[in-house]
Amino acid sequence: MLKVYGIAALVFLLSLGGAYQYGKSKATVVTQVQEIEKVVEKRDVITVVKEVTRPDGTKETITTKEDKSVINSKREKETTVAKNNWFISAGAGYNFDKTAVVYQVDVNRRVLGDIFIGAYGTTNKELGVKVGLEF
């Protein structure tokens, strides 16, 4: 009996390690970066011209410029990470009634946001469907 548990644990660990390495090598994260720059410019320049006449008859012109311009610049950076749409897993278990190792394969597909719908099958002649949520 201990031998069966050891074999089941070994098969499970090997399949888990293989799935990890397979997923690690196939995982690609697609990042889309979108930069938005908004510039709000409001020009407000006031020019004042003063003409001064002196008592001796000379005229002097004084010109002053006052700049009340406001320039606002806003830069936003938006990053979107693409998620994988498929999730495949495999596992092994032990059936105590039949004293046999049972293997299972799952295939899941993202359908809406973080919701997955999938199907599974086992060597114990079971088939099923399931719904999952990624969080």
N, C-alpha and C. Protein backbone atom coordinates (compact mmCIF):
# COMPACT_ATOMS: atom_id res chain seq x y z
N MET A 1 0.82 -1.19 0.00
CA MET A 1 0.00 0.00 0.00
C MET A 1 0.87 1.26 0.00
N LEU A 2 1.95 1.22 0.75
CA LEU A 2 2.86 2.37 0.81
C LEU A 2 3.52 2.60 -0.54
N LYS A 3 3.76 1.51 -1.28
CA LYS A 3 4.36 1.61 -2.60
C LYS A 3 3.44 2.37 -3.56
N VAL A 4 2.15 2.12 -3.47
CA VAL A 4 1.17 2.80 -4.34
C VAL A 4 1.14 4.30 -4.03
N TYR A 5 1.15 4.65 -2.74
CA TYR A 5 1.17 6.07 -2.36
C TYR A 5 2.44 6.74 -2.88
N GLY A 6 3.56 6.06 -2.78
CA GLY A 6 4.82 6.62 -3.26
C GLY A 6 4.80 6.84 -4.76
N ILE A 7 4.26 5.88 -5.50
CA ILE A 7 4.17 6.03 -6.96
C ILE A 7 3.24 7.17 -7.32
N ALA A 8 2.09 7.27 -6.65
CA ALA A 8 1.14 8.35 -6.93
C ALA A 8 1.76 9.71 -6.62
N ALA A 9 2.47 9.80 -5.51
CA ALA A 9 3.11 11.07 -5.16
C ALA A 9 4.20 11.43 -6.15
N LEU A 10 4.97 10.43 -6.59
CA LEU A 10 6.02 10.68 -7.57
C LEU A 10 5.44 11.13 -8.91
N VAL A 11 4.38 10.46 -9.36
CA VAL A 11 3.73 10.85 -10.62
C VAL A 11 3.18 12.27 -10.51
N PHE A 12 2.57 12.58 -9.37
CA PHE A 12 2.01 13.92 -9.18
C PHE A 12 3.11 14.98 -9.21
N LEU A 13 4.19 14.74 -8.49
CA LEU A 13 5.27 15.72 -8.45
C LEU A 13 5.94 15.88 -9.82
N LEU A 14 6.12 14.79 -10.53
CA LEU A 14 6.71 14.89 -11.86
C LEU A 14 5.79 15.65 -12.83
N SER A 15 4.50 15.37 -12.77
CA SER A 15 3.58 16.09 -13.66
C SER A 15 3.49 17.56 -13.27
N LEU A 16 3.54 17.86 -11.97
CA LEU A 16 3.51 19.24 -11.53
C LEU A 16 4.77 19.99 -11.99
N GLY A 17 5.92 19.37 -11.84
CA GLY A 17 7.17 19.99 -12.29
C GLY A 17 7.21 20.17 -13.79
N GLY A 18 6.74 19.16 -14.52
CA GLY A 18 6.70 19.27 -15.98
C GLY A 18 5.76 20.37 -16.44
N ALA A 19 4.60 20.45 -15.82
CA ALA A 19 3.64 21.50 -16.18
C ALA A 19 4.21 22.87 -15.86
N TYR A 20 4.92 23.00 -14.74
CA TYR A 20 5.52 24.28 -14.38
C TYR A 20 6.56 24.69 -15.41
N GLN A 21 7.45 23.77 -15.78
CA GLN A 21 8.49 24.10 -16.76
C GLN A 21 7.89 24.39 -18.13
N TYR A 22 6.87 23.63 -18.51
CA TYR A 22 6.22 23.86 -19.80
C TYR A 22 5.55 25.23 -19.82
N GLY A 23 4.84 25.55 -18.75
CA GLY A 23 4.17 26.85 -18.67
C GLY A 23 5.15 28.00 -18.58
N LYS A 24 6.26 27.77 -17.90
CA LYS A 24 7.27 28.81 -17.75
C LYS A 24 7.92 29.14 -19.08
N SER A 25 8.17 28.11 -19.90
CA SER A 25 8.81 28.35 -21.19
C SER A 25 7.83 28.93 -22.20
N LYS A 26 6.55 28.65 -22.07
CA LYS A 26 5.56 29.13 -23.04
C LYS A 26 4.93 30.46 -22.64
N ALA A 27 5.12 30.88 -21.41
CA ALA A 27 4.46 32.10 -20.93
C ALA A 27 5.06 33.33 -21.60
N THR A 28 4.22 34.08 -22.24
CA THR A 28 4.63 35.35 -22.81
C THR A 28 3.66 36.41 -22.33
N VAL A 29 4.19 37.45 -21.79
CA VAL A 29 3.35 38.54 -21.30
C VAL A 29 3.46 39.67 -22.31
N VAL A 30 2.33 40.01 -22.88
CA VAL A 30 2.28 41.08 -23.86
C VAL A 30 1.83 42.33 -23.14
N THR A 31 2.64 43.35 -23.21
CA THR A 31 2.31 44.59 -22.54
C THR A 31 2.12 45.67 -23.59
N GLN A 32 1.01 46.34 -23.49
CA GLN A 32 0.72 47.44 -24.41
C GLN A 32 0.75 48.73 -23.59
N VAL A 33 1.63 49.63 -23.97
CA VAL A 33 1.76 50.90 -23.26
C VAL A 33 1.24 52.01 -24.15
N GLN A 34 0.36 52.79 -23.60
CA GLN A 34 -0.22 53.90 -24.35
C GLN A 34 0.04 55.17 -23.54
N GLU A 35 0.73 56.11 -24.17
CA GLU A 35 1.02 57.37 -23.50
C GLU A 35 0.13 58.45 -24.09
N ILE A 36 -0.48 59.21 -23.22
CA ILE A 36 -1.35 60.30 -23.61
C ILE A 36 -0.79 61.58 -23.02
N GLU A 37 -0.56 62.56 -23.84
CA GLU A 37 -0.05 63.83 -23.36
C GLU A 37 -1.06 64.92 -23.73
N LYS A 38 -1.51 65.63 -22.73
CA LYS A 38 -2.46 66.71 -22.95
C LYS A 38 -1.79 68.02 -22.58
N VAL A 39 -1.84 68.98 -23.47
CA VAL A 39 -1.27 70.29 -23.21
C VAL A 39 -2.39 71.31 -23.32
N VAL A 40 -2.63 72.01 -22.23
CA VAL A 40 -3.62 73.07 -22.21
C VAL A 40 -2.85 74.38 -22.18
N GLU A 41 -3.07 75.20 -23.16
CA GLU A 41 -2.31 76.44 -23.29
C GLU A 41 -3.29 77.61 -23.34
N LYS A 42 -3.08 78.54 -22.48
CA LYS A 42 -3.93 79.73 -22.45
C LYS A 42 -3.01 80.94 -22.50
N ARG A 43 -3.07 81.64 -23.60
CA ARG A 43 -2.20 82.81 -23.78
C ARG A 43 -2.96 84.06 -23.34
N ASP A 44 -2.33 84.79 -22.44
CA ASP A 44 -2.93 86.02 -21.94
C ASP A 44 -1.81 87.04 -21.75
N VAL A 45 -1.49 87.75 -22.81
CA VAL A 45 -0.43 88.75 -22.79
C VAL A 45 -1.09 90.13 -22.90
N ILE A 46 -0.79 90.97 -21.94
CA ILE A 46 -1.35 92.32 -21.93
C ILE A 46 -0.23 93.30 -22.23
N THR A 47 -0.44 94.13 -23.23
CA THR A 47 0.54 95.16 -23.59
C THR A 47 -0.07 96.53 -23.27
N VAL A 48 0.63 97.28 -22.44
CA VAL A 48 0.17 98.62 -22.04
C VAL A 48 1.15 99.63 -22.61
N VAL A 49 0.61 100.58 -23.41
CA VAL A 49 1.44 101.63 -24.00
C VAL A 49 1.02 102.95 -23.36
N LYS A 50 1.98 103.62 -22.69
CA LYS A 50 1.72 104.92 -22.06
C LYS A 50 2.51 105.98 -22.80
N GLU A 51 1.85 107.04 -23.13
CA GLU A 51 2.53 108.15 -23.77
C GLU A 51 2.50 109.33 -22.80
N VAL A 52 3.65 109.75 -22.38
CA VAL A 52 3.76 110.81 -21.38
C VAL A 52 4.29 112.07 -22.08
N THR A 53 3.58 113.18 -21.88
CA THR A 53 4.03 114.48 -22.41
C THR A 53 4.55 115.30 -21.23
N ARG A 54 5.79 115.73 -21.31
CA ARG A 54 6.43 116.48 -20.25
C ARG A 54 6.14 117.98 -20.43
N PRO A 55 6.32 118.74 -19.36
CA PRO A 55 6.06 120.19 -19.46
C PRO A 55 6.99 120.90 -20.42
N ASP A 56 8.16 120.33 -20.68
CA ASP A 56 9.07 121.01 -21.61
C ASP A 56 8.74 120.64 -23.06
N GLY A 57 7.69 119.80 -23.29
CA GLY A 57 7.25 119.49 -24.64
C GLY A 57 7.76 118.16 -25.17
N THR A 58 8.58 117.47 -24.43
CA THR A 58 9.07 116.17 -24.91
C THR A 58 8.03 115.10 -24.63
N LYS A 59 7.99 114.13 -25.54
CA LYS A 59 7.07 113.01 -25.38
C LYS A 59 7.88 111.74 -25.13
N GLU A 60 7.40 110.96 -24.20
CA GLU A 60 8.05 109.70 -23.87
C GLU A 60 7.00 108.59 -23.94
N THR A 61 7.36 107.52 -24.61
CA THR A 61 6.46 106.37 -24.73
C THR A 61 7.00 105.24 -23.85
N ILE A 62 6.15 104.75 -22.96
CA ILE A 62 6.52 103.64 -22.07
C ILE A 62 5.64 102.45 -22.45
N THR A 63 6.27 101.34 -22.83
CA THR A 63 5.54 100.12 -23.20
C THR A 63 5.85 99.03 -22.17
N THR A 64 4.82 98.46 -21.58
CA THR A 64 5.00 97.36 -20.63
C THR A 64 4.18 96.16 -21.11
N LYS A 65 4.75 95.00 -20.97
CA LYS A 65 4.07 93.75 -21.33
C LYS A 65 3.92 92.90 -20.07
N GLU A 66 2.71 92.45 -19.85
CA GLU A 66 2.44 91.58 -18.70
C GLU A 66 1.93 90.25 -19.24
N ASP A 67 2.65 89.20 -18.90
CA ASP A 67 2.32 87.86 -19.41
C ASP A 67 1.63 87.07 -18.30
N LYS A 68 0.35 86.77 -18.50
CA LYS A 68 -0.43 85.99 -17.54
C LYS A 68 -0.78 84.63 -18.16
N SER A 69 0.10 84.11 -19.00
CA SER A 69 -0.16 82.84 -19.69
C SER A 69 -0.07 81.68 -18.71
N VAL A 70 -0.91 80.70 -18.94
CA VAL A 70 -0.92 79.49 -18.13
C VAL A 70 -0.75 78.31 -19.08
N ILE A 71 0.26 77.51 -18.82
CA ILE A 71 0.48 76.32 -19.63
C ILE A 71 0.47 75.12 -18.69
N ASN A 72 -0.51 74.25 -18.88
CA ASN A 72 -0.61 73.03 -18.08
C ASN A 72 -0.28 71.85 -18.98
N SER A 73 0.56 70.98 -18.52
CA SER A 73 0.92 69.79 -19.27
C SER A 73 0.63 68.58 -18.39
N LYS A 74 -0.07 67.62 -18.95
CA LYS A 74 -0.43 66.43 -18.20
C LYS A 74 -0.05 65.21 -19.02
N ARG A 75 0.70 64.31 -18.42
CA ARG A 75 1.12 63.11 -19.12
C ARG A 75 0.61 61.90 -18.35
N GLU A 76 -0.09 61.04 -19.06
CA GLU A 76 -0.63 59.82 -18.47
C GLU A 76 0.00 58.63 -19.16
N LYS A 77 0.23 57.59 -18.41
CA LYS A 77 0.79 56.37 -18.98
C LYS A 77 -0.11 55.22 -18.56
N GLU A 78 -0.64 54.53 -19.53
CA GLU A 78 -1.57 53.44 -19.28
C GLU A 78 -0.94 52.15 -19.76
N THR A 79 -0.89 51.15 -18.89
CA THR A 79 -0.28 49.88 -19.24
C THR A 79 -1.35 48.80 -19.18
N THR A 80 -1.44 48.03 -20.23
CA THR A 80 -2.39 46.93 -20.31
C THR A 80 -1.61 45.64 -20.51
N VAL A 81 -1.89 44.65 -19.69
CA VAL A 81 -1.21 43.37 -19.80
C VAL A 81 -2.19 42.36 -20.38
N ALA A 82 -1.79 41.72 -21.46
CA ALA A 82 -2.64 40.71 -22.08
C ALA A 82 -2.59 39.43 -21.25
N LYS A 83 -3.74 38.82 -21.06
CA LYS A 83 -3.82 37.60 -20.27
C LYS A 83 -3.94 36.39 -21.19
N ASN A 84 -3.45 35.26 -20.72
CA ASN A 84 -3.57 34.03 -21.48
C ASN A 84 -5.03 33.57 -21.45
N ASN A 85 -5.51 33.05 -22.57
CA ASN A 85 -6.91 32.64 -22.68
C ASN A 85 -7.13 31.16 -22.41
N TRP A 86 -6.09 30.37 -22.40
CA TRP A 86 -6.22 28.93 -22.19
C TRP A 86 -5.49 28.52 -20.92
N PHE A 87 -6.03 27.51 -20.26
CA PHE A 87 -5.41 26.96 -19.06
C PHE A 87 -5.56 25.44 -19.14
N ILE A 88 -4.43 24.73 -19.15
CA ILE A 88 -4.43 23.27 -19.24
C ILE A 88 -3.70 22.73 -18.03
N SER A 89 -4.28 21.69 -17.41
CA SER A 89 -3.61 21.09 -16.25
C SER A 89 -3.77 19.58 -16.30
N ALA A 90 -2.91 18.90 -15.56
CA ALA A 90 -2.96 17.45 -15.44
C ALA A 90 -2.66 17.09 -13.99
N GLY A 91 -3.19 15.97 -13.55
CA GLY A 91 -2.97 15.57 -12.18
C GLY A 91 -3.10 14.07 -12.03
N ALA A 92 -2.74 13.60 -10.86
CA ALA A 92 -2.84 12.18 -10.54
C ALA A 92 -3.42 12.06 -9.14
N GLY A 93 -4.19 11.03 -8.94
CA GLY A 93 -4.79 10.77 -7.64
C GLY A 93 -4.86 9.27 -7.39
N TYR A 94 -5.45 8.90 -6.28
CA TYR A 94 -5.55 7.49 -5.93
C TYR A 94 -6.99 7.17 -5.59
N ASN A 95 -7.51 6.11 -6.21
CA ASN A 95 -8.86 5.64 -5.93
C ASN A 95 -8.76 4.50 -4.92
N PHE A 96 -9.28 4.73 -3.71
CA PHE A 96 -9.15 3.75 -2.65
C PHE A 96 -10.08 2.55 -2.85
N ASP A 97 -11.20 2.73 -3.56
CA ASP A 97 -12.11 1.62 -3.80
C ASP A 97 -11.50 0.60 -4.76
N LYS A 98 -10.89 1.08 -5.81
CA LYS A 98 -10.31 0.19 -6.82
C LYS A 98 -8.82 -0.02 -6.62
N THR A 99 -8.24 0.62 -5.64
CA THR A 99 -6.81 0.60 -5.37
C THR A 99 -6.00 0.78 -6.66
N ALA A 100 -6.28 1.91 -7.29
CA ALA A 100 -5.59 2.22 -8.55
C ALA A 100 -5.31 3.72 -8.61
N VAL A 101 -4.28 4.06 -9.38
CA VAL A 101 -3.94 5.45 -9.60
C VAL A 101 -4.87 6.01 -10.68
N VAL A 102 -5.38 7.22 -10.47
CA VAL A 102 -6.29 7.87 -11.41
C VAL A 102 -5.62 9.13 -11.91
N TYR A 103 -5.61 9.29 -13.23
CA TYR A 103 -5.02 10.47 -13.85
C TYR A 103 -6.14 11.37 -14.36
N GLN A 104 -5.88 12.69 -14.35
CA GLN A 104 -6.90 13.66 -14.76
C GLN A 104 -6.27 14.71 -15.66
N VAL A 105 -7.03 15.15 -16.67
CA VAL A 105 -6.59 16.20 -17.57
C VAL A 105 -7.69 17.25 -17.63
N ASP A 106 -7.32 18.53 -17.50
CA ASP A 106 -8.28 19.63 -17.56
C ASP A 106 -7.92 20.56 -18.70
N VAL A 107 -8.93 21.09 -19.37
CA VAL A 107 -8.75 22.11 -20.40
C VAL A 107 -9.75 23.21 -20.09
N ASN A 108 -9.26 24.45 -19.95
CA ASN A 108 -10.12 25.57 -19.60
C ASN A 108 -9.91 26.72 -20.59
N ARG A 109 -10.95 27.48 -20.84
CA ARG A 109 -10.90 28.60 -21.77
C ARG A 109 -11.54 29.82 -21.11
N ARG A 110 -10.85 30.97 -21.24
CA ARG A 110 -11.40 32.23 -20.72
C ARG A 110 -12.56 32.65 -21.62
N VAL A 111 -13.71 32.94 -21.02
CA VAL A 111 -14.87 33.33 -21.83
C VAL A 111 -15.28 34.78 -21.60
N LEU A 112 -15.14 35.27 -20.39
CA LEU A 112 -15.55 36.64 -20.09
C LEU A 112 -14.75 37.15 -18.91
N GLY A 113 -13.87 38.12 -19.17
CA GLY A 113 -13.08 38.70 -18.09
C GLY A 113 -12.21 37.65 -17.43
N ASP A 114 -12.47 37.36 -16.17
CA ASP A 114 -11.70 36.38 -15.41
C ASP A 114 -12.44 35.07 -15.22
N ILE A 115 -13.47 34.82 -16.00
CA ILE A 115 -14.28 33.61 -15.88
C ILE A 115 -13.82 32.59 -16.93
N PHE A 116 -13.59 31.36 -16.47
CA PHE A 116 -13.18 30.26 -17.32
C PHE A 116 -14.28 29.20 -17.37
N ILE A 117 -14.40 28.55 -18.51
CA ILE A 117 -15.24 27.36 -18.64
C ILE A 117 -14.32 26.25 -19.12
N GLY A 118 -14.47 25.07 -18.53
CA GLY A 118 -13.55 24.00 -18.88
C GLY A 118 -14.19 22.64 -18.88
N ALA A 119 -13.41 21.67 -19.30
CA ALA A 119 -13.82 20.27 -19.30
C ALA A 119 -12.69 19.44 -18.74
N TYR A 120 -13.05 18.31 -18.13
CA TYR A 120 -12.03 17.43 -17.58
C TYR A 120 -12.39 15.98 -17.88
N GLY A 121 -11.38 15.15 -17.86
CA GLY A 121 -11.57 13.73 -18.04
C GLY A 121 -10.57 12.98 -17.18
N THR A 122 -10.96 11.81 -16.69
CA THR A 122 -10.09 11.00 -15.85
C THR A 122 -9.98 9.60 -16.42
N THR A 123 -8.97 8.86 -15.95
CA THR A 123 -8.84 7.46 -16.35
C THR A 123 -9.83 6.58 -15.61
N ASN A 124 -10.57 7.17 -14.71
CA ASN A 124 -11.61 6.47 -13.96
C ASN A 124 -12.95 6.53 -14.71
N LYS A 125 -12.89 6.89 -16.00
CA LYS A 125 -14.03 6.99 -16.89
C LYS A 125 -15.03 8.05 -16.43
N GLU A 126 -14.51 9.20 -16.07
CA GLU A 126 -15.34 10.34 -15.69
C GLU A 126 -15.07 11.48 -16.64
N LEU A 127 -16.12 12.15 -17.06
CA LEU A 127 -16.03 13.37 -17.85
C LEU A 127 -16.87 14.42 -17.16
N GLY A 128 -16.45 15.69 -17.27
CA GLY A 128 -17.23 16.72 -16.62
C GLY A 128 -16.90 18.09 -17.18
N VAL A 129 -17.74 19.03 -16.80
CA VAL A 129 -17.52 20.44 -17.17
C VAL A 129 -17.43 21.24 -15.88
N LYS A 130 -16.76 22.40 -15.99
CA LYS A 130 -16.62 23.22 -14.79
C LYS A 130 -16.51 24.68 -15.17
N VAL A 131 -16.75 25.54 -14.20
CA VAL A 131 -16.65 26.98 -14.34
C VAL A 131 -15.69 27.45 -13.27
N GLY A 132 -14.77 28.34 -13.65
CA GLY A 132 -13.78 28.83 -12.70
C GLY A 132 -13.63 30.33 -12.77
N LEU A 133 -13.07 30.91 -11.73
CA LEU A 133 -12.85 32.34 -11.64
C LEU A 133 -11.40 32.59 -11.27
N GLU A 134 -10.71 33.43 -12.05
CA GLU A 134 -9.33 33.78 -11.76
C GLU A 134 -9.32 35.04 -10.90
N PHE A 135 -8.55 35.00 -9.83
CA PHE A 135 -8.44 36.18 -8.96
C PHE A 135 -7.06 36.29 -8.41
